[in-house]
Amino acid sequence: METGLIAIEIAARIHSVPMDLQSVRKKYFVERELSPAEMIRILRDHGFKARHRQIAGLEEERHECRVRLGRRLSADRPTVGA
């Protein structure tokens, strides 16, 4: 299963960033499940701000990847609450 690529696709769709997963697979030679570091590299290459954080205190090792779009809102785009 390619949960890393699915997560990247969801983040891209939420932020309306065009991303073709087939080209991502070819460009980054994805043949297995992505590591958190690989996911962050792909996201950053597509204009996202992403970071990796390991969550402590759980029985099994879990990772969290926080993502947000790194582009500023343009002046003609309305902001929330305006």
N, C-alpha and C. Protein backbone atom coordinates (compact mmCIF):
# COMPACT_ATOMS: atom_id res chain seq x y z
N MET A 1 0.85 -1.18 0.00
CA MET A 1 0.00 0.00 0.00
C MET A 1 0.89 1.24 0.00
N GLU A 2 0.44 2.27 -0.66
CA GLU A 2 1.21 3.49 -0.80
C GLU A 2 0.58 4.62 0.01
N THR A 3 0.57 4.48 1.32
CA THR A 3 -0.09 5.47 2.15
C THR A 3 0.60 6.83 2.10
N GLY A 4 1.91 6.84 1.91
CA GLY A 4 2.63 8.10 1.81
C GLY A 4 2.22 8.90 0.59
N LEU A 5 2.11 8.23 -0.55
CA LEU A 5 1.68 8.91 -1.77
C LEU A 5 0.23 9.37 -1.68
N ILE A 6 -0.60 8.56 -1.03
CA ILE A 6 -2.00 8.95 -0.85
C ILE A 6 -2.09 10.19 0.02
N ALA A 7 -1.29 10.25 1.09
CA ALA A 7 -1.29 11.42 1.97
C ALA A 7 -0.81 12.67 1.22
N ILE A 8 0.19 12.50 0.38
CA ILE A 8 0.69 13.63 -0.43
C ILE A 8 -0.40 14.10 -1.39
N GLU A 9 -1.09 13.17 -2.01
CA GLU A 9 -2.16 13.53 -2.93
C GLU A 9 -3.29 14.27 -2.22
N ILE A 10 -3.65 13.83 -1.03
CA ILE A 10 -4.70 14.51 -0.26
C ILE A 10 -4.29 15.93 0.09
N ALA A 11 -3.04 16.10 0.55
CA ALA A 11 -2.56 17.45 0.89
C ALA A 11 -2.57 18.35 -0.34
N ALA A 12 -2.18 17.81 -1.49
CA ALA A 12 -2.17 18.60 -2.72
C ALA A 12 -3.58 19.00 -3.13
N ARG A 13 -4.52 18.08 -3.01
CA ARG A 13 -5.90 18.41 -3.39
C ARG A 13 -6.52 19.43 -2.44
N ILE A 14 -6.25 19.31 -1.16
CA ILE A 14 -6.79 20.27 -0.19
C ILE A 14 -6.33 21.68 -0.51
N HIS A 15 -5.07 21.81 -0.90
CA HIS A 15 -4.49 23.12 -1.18
C HIS A 15 -4.52 23.49 -2.66
N SER A 16 -5.24 22.71 -3.47
CA SER A 16 -5.40 22.97 -4.91
C SER A 16 -4.06 23.09 -5.64
N VAL A 17 -3.15 22.21 -5.29
CA VAL A 17 -1.85 22.16 -5.96
C VAL A 17 -1.88 21.01 -6.96
N PRO A 18 -1.70 21.30 -8.25
CA PRO A 18 -1.72 20.21 -9.22
C PRO A 18 -0.51 19.29 -9.05
N MET A 19 -0.78 18.00 -8.92
CA MET A 19 0.30 17.04 -8.72
C MET A 19 -0.10 15.72 -9.36
N ASP A 20 0.73 15.21 -10.24
CA ASP A 20 0.49 13.94 -10.89
C ASP A 20 1.32 12.87 -10.17
N LEU A 21 0.64 11.91 -9.56
CA LEU A 21 1.35 10.89 -8.77
C LEU A 21 2.21 9.98 -9.64
N GLN A 22 1.82 9.76 -10.87
CA GLN A 22 2.65 8.93 -11.76
C GLN A 22 3.99 9.61 -12.02
N SER A 23 3.97 10.92 -12.23
CA SER A 23 5.24 11.62 -12.44
C SER A 23 6.05 11.69 -11.15
N VAL A 24 5.39 11.78 -10.00
CA VAL A 24 6.09 11.76 -8.72
C VAL A 24 6.78 10.41 -8.54
N ARG A 25 6.09 9.32 -8.86
CA ARG A 25 6.68 7.98 -8.76
C ARG A 25 7.94 7.87 -9.62
N LYS A 26 7.88 8.40 -10.83
CA LYS A 26 9.02 8.31 -11.75
C LYS A 26 10.16 9.22 -11.32
N LYS A 27 9.82 10.46 -10.95
CA LYS A 27 10.86 11.44 -10.60
C LYS A 27 11.64 11.05 -9.35
N TYR A 28 10.93 10.49 -8.36
CA TYR A 28 11.57 10.15 -7.09
C TYR A 28 11.83 8.65 -6.92
N PHE A 29 11.65 7.89 -7.99
CA PHE A 29 11.91 6.45 -8.00
C PHE A 29 11.20 5.73 -6.86
N VAL A 30 9.90 5.95 -6.73
CA VAL A 30 9.11 5.36 -5.66
C VAL A 30 8.74 3.93 -6.06
N GLU A 31 9.28 2.97 -5.33
CA GLU A 31 8.98 1.56 -5.58
C GLU A 31 8.47 0.87 -4.32
N ARG A 32 8.51 1.56 -3.20
CA ARG A 32 8.08 0.98 -1.92
C ARG A 32 7.43 2.09 -1.10
N GLU A 33 7.07 1.78 0.11
CA GLU A 33 6.47 2.79 1.00
C GLU A 33 7.47 3.91 1.25
N LEU A 34 7.00 5.14 1.23
CA LEU A 34 7.87 6.30 1.45
C LEU A 34 8.22 6.45 2.91
N SER A 35 9.45 6.85 3.19
CA SER A 35 9.83 7.20 4.56
C SER A 35 9.36 8.62 4.83
N PRO A 36 9.26 9.02 6.09
CA PRO A 36 8.86 10.40 6.39
C PRO A 36 9.79 11.44 5.74
N ALA A 37 11.08 11.16 5.69
CA ALA A 37 12.02 12.10 5.07
C ALA A 37 11.76 12.24 3.57
N GLU A 38 11.43 11.13 2.90
CA GLU A 38 11.12 11.19 1.47
C GLU A 38 9.83 11.97 1.22
N MET A 39 8.84 11.77 2.06
CA MET A 39 7.58 12.51 1.92
C MET A 39 7.82 14.00 2.06
N ILE A 40 8.60 14.39 3.04
CA ILE A 40 8.88 15.81 3.27
C ILE A 40 9.63 16.40 2.08
N ARG A 41 10.58 15.67 1.53
CA ARG A 41 11.33 16.17 0.36
C ARG A 41 10.39 16.40 -0.82
N ILE A 42 9.49 15.47 -1.08
CA ILE A 42 8.55 15.61 -2.19
C ILE A 42 7.63 16.81 -1.95
N LEU A 43 7.10 16.92 -0.74
CA LEU A 43 6.20 18.04 -0.42
C LEU A 43 6.90 19.38 -0.56
N ARG A 44 8.11 19.49 -0.04
CA ARG A 44 8.86 20.74 -0.14
C ARG A 44 9.17 21.10 -1.59
N ASP A 45 9.47 20.09 -2.40
CA ASP A 45 9.74 20.35 -3.82
C ASP A 45 8.51 20.88 -4.55
N HIS A 46 7.33 20.65 -3.98
CA HIS A 46 6.09 21.12 -4.60
C HIS A 46 5.52 22.36 -3.91
N GLY A 47 6.34 23.05 -3.12
CA GLY A 47 5.94 24.33 -2.55
C GLY A 47 5.31 24.28 -1.17
N PHE A 48 5.33 23.11 -0.52
CA PHE A 48 4.76 23.01 0.82
C PHE A 48 5.83 23.25 1.86
N LYS A 49 5.39 23.69 3.03
CA LYS A 49 6.26 23.72 4.20
C LYS A 49 5.89 22.47 4.99
N ALA A 50 6.84 21.61 5.21
CA ALA A 50 6.56 20.35 5.89
C ALA A 50 7.67 20.07 6.90
N ARG A 51 7.30 19.40 7.97
CA ARG A 51 8.30 19.00 8.96
C ARG A 51 7.91 17.65 9.54
N HIS A 52 8.90 16.97 10.07
CA HIS A 52 8.70 15.65 10.65
C HIS A 52 8.90 15.74 12.15
N ARG A 53 8.03 15.05 12.86
CA ARG A 53 8.15 15.05 14.30
C ARG A 53 7.81 13.65 14.80
N GLN A 54 8.67 13.09 15.63
CA GLN A 54 8.40 11.78 16.21
C GLN A 54 7.63 11.98 17.51
N ILE A 55 6.56 11.23 17.66
CA ILE A 55 5.72 11.35 18.84
C ILE A 55 6.23 10.39 19.90
N ALA A 56 6.57 10.91 21.07
CA ALA A 56 7.11 10.09 22.15
C ALA A 56 5.99 9.65 23.10
N GLY A 57 6.25 8.60 23.85
CA GLY A 57 5.34 8.17 24.88
C GLY A 57 4.29 7.17 24.42
N LEU A 58 4.41 6.65 23.23
CA LEU A 58 3.47 5.66 22.74
C LEU A 58 4.18 4.31 22.67
N GLU A 59 3.41 3.24 22.77
CA GLU A 59 4.00 1.91 22.73
C GLU A 59 4.76 1.67 21.43
N GLU A 60 4.16 1.99 20.35
CA GLU A 60 4.83 1.80 19.08
C GLU A 60 5.30 3.16 18.56
N GLU A 61 6.33 3.12 17.76
CA GLU A 61 6.89 4.36 17.22
C GLU A 61 5.94 4.93 16.19
N ARG A 62 5.55 6.17 16.35
CA ARG A 62 4.66 6.83 15.40
C ARG A 62 5.32 8.11 14.95
N HIS A 63 4.95 8.49 13.75
CA HIS A 63 5.49 9.70 13.17
C HIS A 63 4.35 10.62 12.79
N GLU A 64 4.62 11.88 12.82
CA GLU A 64 3.64 12.87 12.43
C GLU A 64 4.29 13.80 11.42
N CYS A 65 3.58 14.08 10.39
CA CYS A 65 4.08 15.00 9.37
C CYS A 65 3.09 16.14 9.27
N ARG A 66 3.52 17.34 9.57
CA ARG A 66 2.67 18.51 9.46
C ARG A 66 2.97 19.21 8.16
N VAL A 67 1.91 19.57 7.47
CA VAL A 67 2.07 20.15 6.14
C VAL A 67 1.21 21.39 6.03
N ARG A 68 1.75 22.40 5.38
CA ARG A 68 0.95 23.56 4.99
C ARG A 68 1.57 24.15 3.75
N LEU A 69 0.76 24.82 3.01
CA LEU A 69 1.23 25.39 1.76
C LEU A 69 2.13 26.58 2.07
N GLY A 70 3.26 26.65 1.41
CA GLY A 70 4.24 27.69 1.69
C GLY A 70 4.05 28.97 0.93
N ARG A 71 3.00 29.08 0.14
CA ARG A 71 2.79 30.30 -0.64
C ARG A 71 1.94 31.29 0.15
N ARG A 72 2.21 32.56 -0.03
CA ARG A 72 1.41 33.59 0.62
C ARG A 72 0.12 33.81 -0.15
N LEU A 73 -0.90 34.22 0.55
CA LEU A 73 -2.16 34.56 -0.11
C LEU A 73 -1.96 35.85 -0.89
N SER A 74 -2.53 35.91 -2.08
CA SER A 74 -2.41 37.12 -2.88
C SER A 74 -3.39 38.17 -2.36
N ALA A 75 -3.16 39.41 -2.71
CA ALA A 75 -3.99 40.51 -2.21
C ALA A 75 -5.43 40.42 -2.73
N ASP A 76 -5.63 39.85 -3.91
CA ASP A 76 -6.98 39.78 -4.47
C ASP A 76 -7.77 38.57 -3.94
N ARG A 77 -7.14 37.73 -3.14
CA ARG A 77 -7.81 36.56 -2.60
C ARG A 77 -8.38 36.89 -1.23
N PRO A 78 -9.67 36.67 -1.00
CA PRO A 78 -10.25 37.02 0.30
C PRO A 78 -9.71 36.14 1.42
N THR A 79 -9.57 36.71 2.59
CA THR A 79 -9.12 35.96 3.75
C THR A 79 -10.33 35.50 4.56
N VAL A 80 -10.13 34.54 5.41
CA VAL A 80 -11.21 34.02 6.24
C VAL A 80 -11.66 35.11 7.22
N GLY A 81 -12.95 35.32 7.31
CA GLY A 81 -13.48 36.32 8.25
C GLY A 81 -13.55 37.71 7.66
N ALA A 82 -13.12 37.88 6.42
CA ALA A 82 -13.15 39.22 5.83
C ALA A 82 -14.43 39.45 5.05
